[in-house]
Amino acid sequence: MAESPGTERPCSRCKMKLVFLEGKSGPERLMPAQKVRSLYVRVGDRVYPLKVEGLEVFVNHYETCPHASEFSSGGQG
């Protein structure tokens, strides 16, 4: 299914709510992303929460989906 930037739909495998965002390759290669509530930063051997108030923060869904190994290399979530 061809997506356009901003399209929202659930992951076909885990059903997580996704939004398709333009990636580094431009609008022809969209990245399925999921919204996260908080980010963490590793500095040396310590991990710190990063507070990002008033912003929506997304991560690449391929990094977090429990079914990531089932996606084809050219497919989308």
PDB file of N, CA and C in Angstrom:
ATOM      1  N   MET A   1       0.846  -1.173   0.000  1.00  0.00           N
ATOM      2  CA  MET A   1       0.000   0.000   0.000  1.00  0.00           C
ATOM      3  C   MET A   1       0.891   1.235   0.000  1.00  0.00           C
ATOM      4  N   ALA A   2       0.682   2.126  -0.960  1.00  0.00           N
ATOM      5  CA  ALA A   2       1.482   3.351  -1.029  1.00  0.00           C
ATOM      6  C   ALA A   2       0.948   4.359  -0.015  1.00  0.00           C
ATOM      7  N   GLU A   3       1.838   4.867   0.806  1.00  0.00           N
ATOM      8  CA  GLU A   3       1.472   5.846   1.827  1.00  0.00           C
ATOM      9  C   GLU A   3       1.929   7.224   1.369  1.00  0.00           C
ATOM     10  N   SER A   4       1.335   8.259   1.930  1.00  0.00           N
ATOM     11  CA  SER A   4       1.805   9.616   1.688  1.00  0.00           C
ATOM     12  C   SER A   4       2.217  10.197   3.036  1.00  0.00           C
ATOM     13  N   PRO A   5       3.110  11.206   3.046  1.00  0.00           N
ATOM     14  CA  PRO A   5       3.562  11.773   4.325  1.00  0.00           C
ATOM     15  C   PRO A   5       2.373  12.196   5.194  1.00  0.00           C
ATOM     16  N   GLY A   6       2.425  11.812   6.456  1.00  0.00           N
ATOM     17  CA  GLY A   6       1.368  12.153   7.397  1.00  0.00           C
ATOM     18  C   GLY A   6       0.276  11.105   7.533  1.00  0.00           C
ATOM     19  N   THR A   7       0.279  10.088   6.653  1.00  0.00           N
ATOM     20  CA  THR A   7      -0.713   9.020   6.746  1.00  0.00           C
ATOM     21  C   THR A   7      -0.570   8.311   8.084  1.00  0.00           C
ATOM     22  N   GLU A   8      -1.693   8.030   8.729  1.00  0.00           N
ATOM     23  CA  GLU A   8      -1.686   7.268   9.979  1.00  0.00           C
ATOM     24  C   GLU A   8      -2.413   5.959   9.750  1.00  0.00           C
ATOM     25  N   ARG A   9      -1.833   4.879  10.258  1.00  0.00           N
ATOM     26  CA  ARG A   9      -2.484   3.567  10.249  1.00  0.00           C
ATOM     27  C   ARG A   9      -1.716   2.664  11.193  1.00  0.00           C
ATOM     28  N   PRO A  10      -2.329   1.576  11.642  1.00  0.00           N
ATOM     29  CA  PRO A  10      -1.620   0.660  12.539  1.00  0.00           C
ATOM     30  C   PRO A  10      -0.613  -0.207  11.793  1.00  0.00           C
ATOM     31  N   CYS A  11       0.396  -0.666  12.518  1.00  0.00           N
ATOM     32  CA  CYS A  11       1.371  -1.612  11.988  1.00  0.00           C
ATOM     33  C   CYS A  11       0.621  -2.886  11.599  1.00  0.00           C
ATOM     34  N   SER A  12       0.961  -3.450  10.448  1.00  0.00           N
ATOM     35  CA  SER A  12       0.283  -4.656   9.983  1.00  0.00           C
ATOM     36  C   SER A  12       0.606  -5.872  10.841  1.00  0.00           C
ATOM     37  N   ARG A  13       1.680  -5.819  11.622  1.00  0.00           N
ATOM     38  CA  ARG A  13       2.065  -6.959  12.458  1.00  0.00           C
ATOM     39  C   ARG A  13       1.646  -6.782  13.926  1.00  0.00           C
ATOM     40  N   CYS A  14       2.080  -5.676  14.567  1.00  0.00           N
ATOM     41  CA  CYS A  14       1.847  -5.525  16.015  1.00  0.00           C
ATOM     42  C   CYS A  14       0.682  -4.592  16.357  1.00  0.00           C
ATOM     43  N   LYS A  15       0.143  -3.905  15.348  1.00  0.00           N
ATOM     44  CA  LYS A  15      -1.019  -3.014  15.494  1.00  0.00           C
ATOM     45  C   LYS A  15      -0.717  -1.703  16.212  1.00  0.00           C
ATOM     46  N   MET A  16       0.551  -1.367  16.442  1.00  0.00           N
ATOM     47  CA  MET A  16       0.924  -0.082  17.039  1.00  0.00           C
ATOM     48  C   MET A  16       0.493   1.040  16.090  1.00  0.00           C
ATOM     49  N   LYS A  17      -0.034   2.133  16.632  1.00  0.00           N
ATOM     50  CA  LYS A  17      -0.433   3.270  15.811  1.00  0.00           C
ATOM     51  C   LYS A  17       0.810   3.933  15.228  1.00  0.00           C
ATOM     52  N   LEU A  18       0.845   4.085  13.888  1.00  0.00           N
ATOM     53  CA  LEU A  18       1.998   4.650  13.193  1.00  0.00           C
ATOM     54  C   LEU A  18       1.610   5.879  12.401  1.00  0.00           C
ATOM     55  N   VAL A  19       2.596   6.714  12.146  1.00  0.00           N
ATOM     56  CA  VAL A  19       2.467   7.820  11.207  1.00  0.00           C
ATOM     57  C   VAL A  19       3.646   7.692  10.251  1.00  0.00           C
ATOM     58  N   PHE A  20       3.409   7.920   8.960  1.00  0.00           N
ATOM     59  CA  PHE A  20       4.466   7.786   7.969  1.00  0.00           C
ATOM     60  C   PHE A  20       5.103   9.145   7.728  1.00  0.00           C
ATOM     61  N   LEU A  21       6.406   9.226   7.961  1.00  0.00           N
ATOM     62  CA  LEU A  21       7.154  10.477   7.873  1.00  0.00           C
ATOM     63  C   LEU A  21       8.176  10.413   6.755  1.00  0.00           C
ATOM     64  N   GLU A  22       8.468  11.572   6.199  1.00  0.00           N
ATOM     65  CA  GLU A  22       9.502  11.656   5.173  1.00  0.00           C
ATOM     66  C   GLU A  22      10.853  11.411   5.825  1.00  0.00           C
ATOM     67  N   GLY A  23      11.617  10.503   5.261  1.00  0.00           N
ATOM     68  CA  GLY A  23      12.924  10.172   5.818  1.00  0.00           C
ATOM     69  C   GLY A  23      14.050  10.899   5.109  1.00  0.00           C
ATOM     70  N   LYS A  24      15.256  10.475   5.369  1.00  0.00           N
ATOM     71  CA  LYS A  24      16.441  11.089   4.759  1.00  0.00           C
ATOM     72  C   LYS A  24      16.443  10.967   3.245  1.00  0.00           C
ATOM     73  N   SER A  25      15.811   9.935   2.718  1.00  0.00           N
ATOM     74  CA  SER A  25      15.800   9.693   1.270  1.00  0.00           C
ATOM     75  C   SER A  25      14.766  10.531   0.537  1.00  0.00           C
ATOM     76  N   GLY A  26      13.960  11.295   1.262  1.00  0.00           N
ATOM     77  CA  GLY A  26      12.948  12.126   0.623  1.00  0.00           C
ATOM     78  C   GLY A  26      11.570  11.486   0.648  1.00  0.00           C
ATOM     79  N   PRO A  27      10.591  12.124   0.001  1.00  0.00           N
ATOM     80  CA  PRO A  27       9.203  11.664   0.082  1.00  0.00           C
ATOM     81  C   PRO A  27       8.924  10.330  -0.597  1.00  0.00           C
ATOM     82  N   GLU A  28       9.842   9.847  -1.437  1.00  0.00           N
ATOM     83  CA  GLU A  28       9.600   8.559  -2.091  1.00  0.00           C
ATOM     84  C   GLU A  28       9.867   7.378  -1.160  1.00  0.00           C
ATOM     85  N   ARG A  29      10.561   7.583  -0.050  1.00  0.00           N
ATOM     86  CA  ARG A  29      10.828   6.510   0.924  1.00  0.00           C
ATOM     87  C   ARG A  29      10.354   6.989   2.290  1.00  0.00           C
ATOM     88  N   LEU A  30       9.140   6.627   2.669  1.00  0.00           N
ATOM     89  CA  LEU A  30       8.587   7.058   3.948  1.00  0.00           C
ATOM     90  C   LEU A  30       8.978   6.100   5.061  1.00  0.00           C
ATOM     91  N   MET A  31       9.114   6.646   6.246  1.00  0.00           N
ATOM     92  CA  MET A  31       9.506   5.871   7.414  1.00  0.00           C
ATOM     93  C   MET A  31       8.293   5.703   8.333  1.00  0.00           C
ATOM     94  N   PRO A  32       7.929   4.462   8.689  1.00  0.00           N
ATOM     95  CA  PRO A  32       6.870   4.283   9.664  1.00  0.00           C
ATOM     96  C   PRO A  32       7.425   4.642  11.041  1.00  0.00           C
ATOM     97  N   ALA A  33       6.740   5.528  11.732  1.00  0.00           N
ATOM     98  CA  ALA A  33       7.233   6.009  13.022  1.00  0.00           C
ATOM     99  C   ALA A  33       6.125   5.923  14.063  1.00  0.00           C
ATOM    100  N   GLN A  34       6.541   5.789  15.304  1.00  0.00           N
ATOM    101  CA  GLN A  34       5.578   5.776  16.403  1.00  0.00           C
ATOM    102  C   GLN A  34       5.937   6.883  17.379  1.00  0.00           C
ATOM    103  N   LYS A  35       4.895   7.475  17.965  1.00  0.00           N
ATOM    104  CA  LYS A  35       5.098   8.547  18.929  1.00  0.00           C
ATOM    105  C   LYS A  35       5.598   7.951  20.241  1.00  0.00           C
ATOM    106  N   VAL A  36       6.561   8.620  20.867  1.00  0.00           N
ATOM    107  CA  VAL A  36       7.068   8.190  22.165  1.00  0.00           C
ATOM    108  C   VAL A  36       6.877   9.308  23.177  1.00  0.00           C
ATOM    109  N   ARG A  37       6.732   8.937  24.420  1.00  0.00           N
ATOM    110  CA  ARG A  37       6.506   9.917  25.480  1.00  0.00           C
ATOM    111  C   ARG A  37       7.800  10.493  26.027  1.00  0.00           C
ATOM    112  N   SER A  38       8.858   9.723  25.985  1.00  0.00           N
ATOM    113  CA  SER A  38      10.120  10.217  26.521  1.00  0.00           C
ATOM    114  C   SER A  38      11.294   9.620  25.779  1.00  0.00           C
ATOM    115  N   LEU A  39      12.379  10.324  25.832  1.00  0.00           N
ATOM    116  CA  LEU A  39      13.623   9.883  25.222  1.00  0.00           C
ATOM    117  C   LEU A  39      14.665   9.733  26.310  1.00  0.00           C
ATOM    118  N   TYR A  40      15.633   8.891  26.062  1.00  0.00           N
ATOM    119  CA  TYR A  40      16.722   8.698  27.004  1.00  0.00           C
ATOM    120  C   TYR A  40      18.035   8.850  26.260  1.00  0.00           C
ATOM    121  N   VAL A  41      19.000   9.439  26.927  1.00  0.00           N
ATOM    122  CA  VAL A  41      20.309   9.683  26.331  1.00  0.00           C
ATOM    123  C   VAL A  41      21.352   8.949  27.158  1.00  0.00           C
ATOM    124  N   ARG A  42      22.239   8.210  26.479  1.00  0.00           N
ATOM    125  CA  ARG A  42      23.322   7.520  27.172  1.00  0.00           C
ATOM    126  C   ARG A  42      24.568   8.390  27.088  1.00  0.00           C
ATOM    127  N   VAL A  43      25.148   8.662  28.242  1.00  0.00           N
ATOM    128  CA  VAL A  43      26.408   9.390  28.332  1.00  0.00           C
ATOM    129  C   VAL A  43      27.359   8.503  29.108  1.00  0.00           C
ATOM    130  N   GLY A  44      28.311   7.904  28.394  1.00  0.00           N
ATOM    131  CA  GLY A  44      29.198   6.940  29.043  1.00  0.00           C
ATOM    132  C   GLY A  44      28.392   5.745  29.501  1.00  0.00           C
ATOM    133  N   ASP A  45      28.452   5.440  30.792  1.00  0.00           N
ATOM    134  CA  ASP A  45      27.700   4.296  31.317  1.00  0.00           C
ATOM    135  C   ASP A  45      26.418   4.718  32.034  1.00  0.00           C
ATOM    136  N   ARG A  46      26.044   5.986  31.923  1.00  0.00           N
ATOM    137  CA  ARG A  46      24.817   6.486  32.569  1.00  0.00           C
ATOM    138  C   ARG A  46      23.758   6.802  31.526  1.00  0.00           C
ATOM    139  N   VAL A  47      22.495   6.639  31.905  1.00  0.00           N
ATOM    140  CA  VAL A  47      21.365   6.949  31.026  1.00  0.00           C
ATOM    141  C   VAL A  47      20.514   8.006  31.713  1.00  0.00           C
ATOM    142  N   TYR A  48      20.201   9.067  30.960  1.00  0.00           N
ATOM    143  CA  TYR A  48      19.433  10.185  31.497  1.00  0.00           C
ATOM    144  C   TYR A  48      18.155  10.391  30.687  1.00  0.00           C
ATOM    145  N   PRO A  49      17.034  10.718  31.375  1.00  0.00           N
ATOM    146  CA  PRO A  49      15.819  11.048  30.627  1.00  0.00           C
ATOM    147  C   PRO A  49      15.979  12.416  29.986  1.00  0.00           C
ATOM    148  N   LEU A  50      15.485  12.568  28.789  1.00  0.00           N
ATOM    149  CA  LEU A  50      15.522  13.836  28.071  1.00  0.00           C
ATOM    150  C   LEU A  50      14.098  14.359  28.015  1.00  0.00           C
ATOM    151  N   LYS A  51      13.850  15.485  28.649  1.00  0.00           N
ATOM    152  CA  LYS A  51      12.506  16.054  28.662  1.00  0.00           C
ATOM    153  C   LYS A  51      12.317  16.926  27.432  1.00  0.00           C
ATOM    154  N   VAL A  52      11.273  16.629  26.686  1.00  0.00           N
ATOM    155  CA  VAL A  52      10.964  17.380  25.482  1.00  0.00           C
ATOM    156  C   VAL A  52       9.501  17.797  25.597  1.00  0.00           C
ATOM    157  N   GLU A  53       9.266  18.953  26.211  1.00  0.00           N
ATOM    158  CA  GLU A  53       7.900  19.402  26.439  1.00  0.00           C
ATOM    159  C   GLU A  53       7.380  20.199  25.254  1.00  0.00           C
ATOM    160  N   GLY A  54       6.124  19.960  24.914  1.00  0.00           N
ATOM    161  CA  GLY A  54       5.481  20.698  23.848  1.00  0.00           C
ATOM    162  C   GLY A  54       5.834  20.231  22.443  1.00  0.00           C
ATOM    163  N   LEU A  55       6.607  19.157  22.329  1.00  0.00           N
ATOM    164  CA  LEU A  55       6.976  18.624  21.020  1.00  0.00           C
ATOM    165  C   LEU A  55       6.485  17.192  20.893  1.00  0.00           C
ATOM    166  N   GLU A  56       6.164  16.797  19.675  1.00  0.00           N
ATOM    167  CA  GLU A  56       5.860  15.403  19.426  1.00  0.00           C
ATOM    168  C   GLU A  56       7.158  14.739  18.993  1.00  0.00           C
ATOM    169  N   VAL A  57       7.482  13.622  19.624  1.00  0.00           N
ATOM    170  CA  VAL A  57       8.728  12.915  19.344  1.00  0.00           C
ATOM    171  C   VAL A  57       8.379  11.538  18.784  1.00  0.00           C
ATOM    172  N   PHE A  58       9.041  11.170  17.680  1.00  0.00           N
ATOM    173  CA  PHE A  58       8.775   9.898  17.021  1.00  0.00           C
ATOM    174  C   PHE A  58      10.065   9.098  16.884  1.00  0.00           C
ATOM    175  N   VAL A  59       9.939   7.778  16.886  1.00  0.00           N
ATOM    176  CA  VAL A  59      11.073   6.896  16.607  1.00  0.00           C
ATOM    177  C   VAL A  59      10.683   5.980  15.460  1.00  0.00           C
ATOM    178  N   ASN A  60      11.681   5.492  14.742  1.00  0.00           N
ATOM    179  CA  ASN A  60      11.468   4.574  13.645  1.00  0.00           C
ATOM    180  C   ASN A  60      10.861   3.281  14.190  1.00  0.00           C
ATOM    181  N   HIS A  61       9.711   2.903  13.678  1.00  0.00           N
ATOM    182  CA  HIS A  61       9.019   1.725  14.186  1.00  0.00           C
ATOM    183  C   HIS A  61       9.790   0.435  13.943  1.00  0.00           C
ATOM    184  N   TYR A  62      10.620   0.381  12.895  1.00  0.00           N
ATOM    185  CA  TYR A  62      11.402  -0.833  12.636  1.00  0.00           C
ATOM    186  C   TYR A  62      12.361  -1.137  13.789  1.00  0.00           C
ATOM    187  N   GLU A  63      12.714  -0.118  14.574  1.00  0.00           N
ATOM    188  CA  GLU A  63      13.631  -0.316  15.698  1.00  0.00           C
ATOM    189  C   GLU A  63      12.936  -0.897  16.929  1.00  0.00           C
ATOM    190  N   THR A  64      11.621  -0.786  17.012  1.00  0.00           N
ATOM    191  CA  THR A  64      10.918  -1.202  18.223  1.00  0.00           C
ATOM    192  C   THR A  64       9.893  -2.319  18.021  1.00  0.00           C
ATOM    193  N   CYS A  65       9.480  -2.570  16.788  1.00  0.00           N
ATOM    194  CA  CYS A  65       8.438  -3.566  16.539  1.00  0.00           C
ATOM    195  C   CYS A  65       8.935  -4.967  16.903  1.00  0.00           C
ATOM    196  N   PRO A  66       8.165  -5.726  17.674  1.00  0.00           N
ATOM    197  CA  PRO A  66       8.578  -7.081  18.016  1.00  0.00           C
ATOM    198  C   PRO A  66       8.597  -8.013  16.799  1.00  0.00           C
ATOM    199  N   HIS A  67       8.019  -7.568  15.686  1.00  0.00           N
ATOM    200  CA  HIS A  67       7.973  -8.382  14.469  1.00  0.00           C
ATOM    201  C   HIS A  67       8.877  -7.806  13.378  1.00  0.00           C
ATOM    202  N   ALA A  68       9.854  -6.990  13.739  1.00  0.00           N
ATOM    203  CA  ALA A  68      10.701  -6.299  12.761  1.00  0.00           C
ATOM    204  C   ALA A  68      11.366  -7.253  11.783  1.00  0.00           C
ATOM    205  N   SER A  69      11.727  -8.436  12.216  1.00  0.00           N
ATOM    206  CA  SER A  69      12.410  -9.378  11.320  1.00  0.00           C
ATOM    207  C   SER A  69      11.488  -9.888  10.208  1.00  0.00           C
ATOM    208  N   GLU A  70      10.179  -9.698  10.344  1.00  0.00           N
ATOM    209  CA  GLU A  70       9.232 -10.162   9.342  1.00  0.00           C
ATOM    210  C   GLU A  70       9.042  -9.177   8.201  1.00  0.00           C
ATOM    211  N   PHE A  71       9.512  -7.917   8.356  1.00  0.00           N
ATOM    212  CA  PHE A  71       9.340  -6.916   7.307  1.00  0.00           C
ATOM    213  C   PHE A  71      10.314  -7.189   6.173  1.00  0.00           C
ATOM    214  N   SER A  72       9.858  -6.998   4.949  1.00  0.00           N
ATOM    215  CA  SER A  72      10.769  -7.139   3.816  1.00  0.00           C
ATOM    216  C   SER A  72      11.654  -5.905   3.762  1.00  0.00           C
ATOM    217  N   SER A  73      12.812  -6.020   3.137  1.00  0.00           N
ATOM    218  CA  SER A  73      13.760  -4.904   3.104  1.00  0.00           C
ATOM    219  C   SER A  73      13.199  -3.684   2.390  1.00  0.00           C
ATOM    220  N   GLY A  74      12.281  -3.839   1.465  1.00  0.00           N
ATOM    221  CA  GLY A  74      11.723  -2.706   0.751  1.00  0.00           C
ATOM    222  C   GLY A  74      10.321  -2.356   1.212  1.00  0.00           C
ATOM    223  N   GLY A  75       9.773  -3.123   2.151  1.00  0.00           N
ATOM    224  CA  GLY A  75       8.392  -2.904   2.577  1.00  0.00           C
ATOM    225  C   GLY A  75       8.256  -1.855   3.645  1.00  0.00           C
ATOM    226  N   GLN A  76       7.024  -1.593   4.007  1.00  0.00           N
ATOM    227  CA  GLN A  76       6.716  -0.621   5.052  1.00  0.00           C
ATOM    228  C   GLN A  76       5.824  -1.309   6.067  1.00  0.00           C
ATOM    229  N   GLY A  77       5.820  -0.750   7.316  1.00  0.00           N
ATOM    230  CA  GLY A  77       5.073  -1.312   8.419  1.00  0.00           C
ATOM    231  C   GLY A  77       3.697  -1.624   8.097  1.00  0.00           C
TER     232      GLY A  77
END
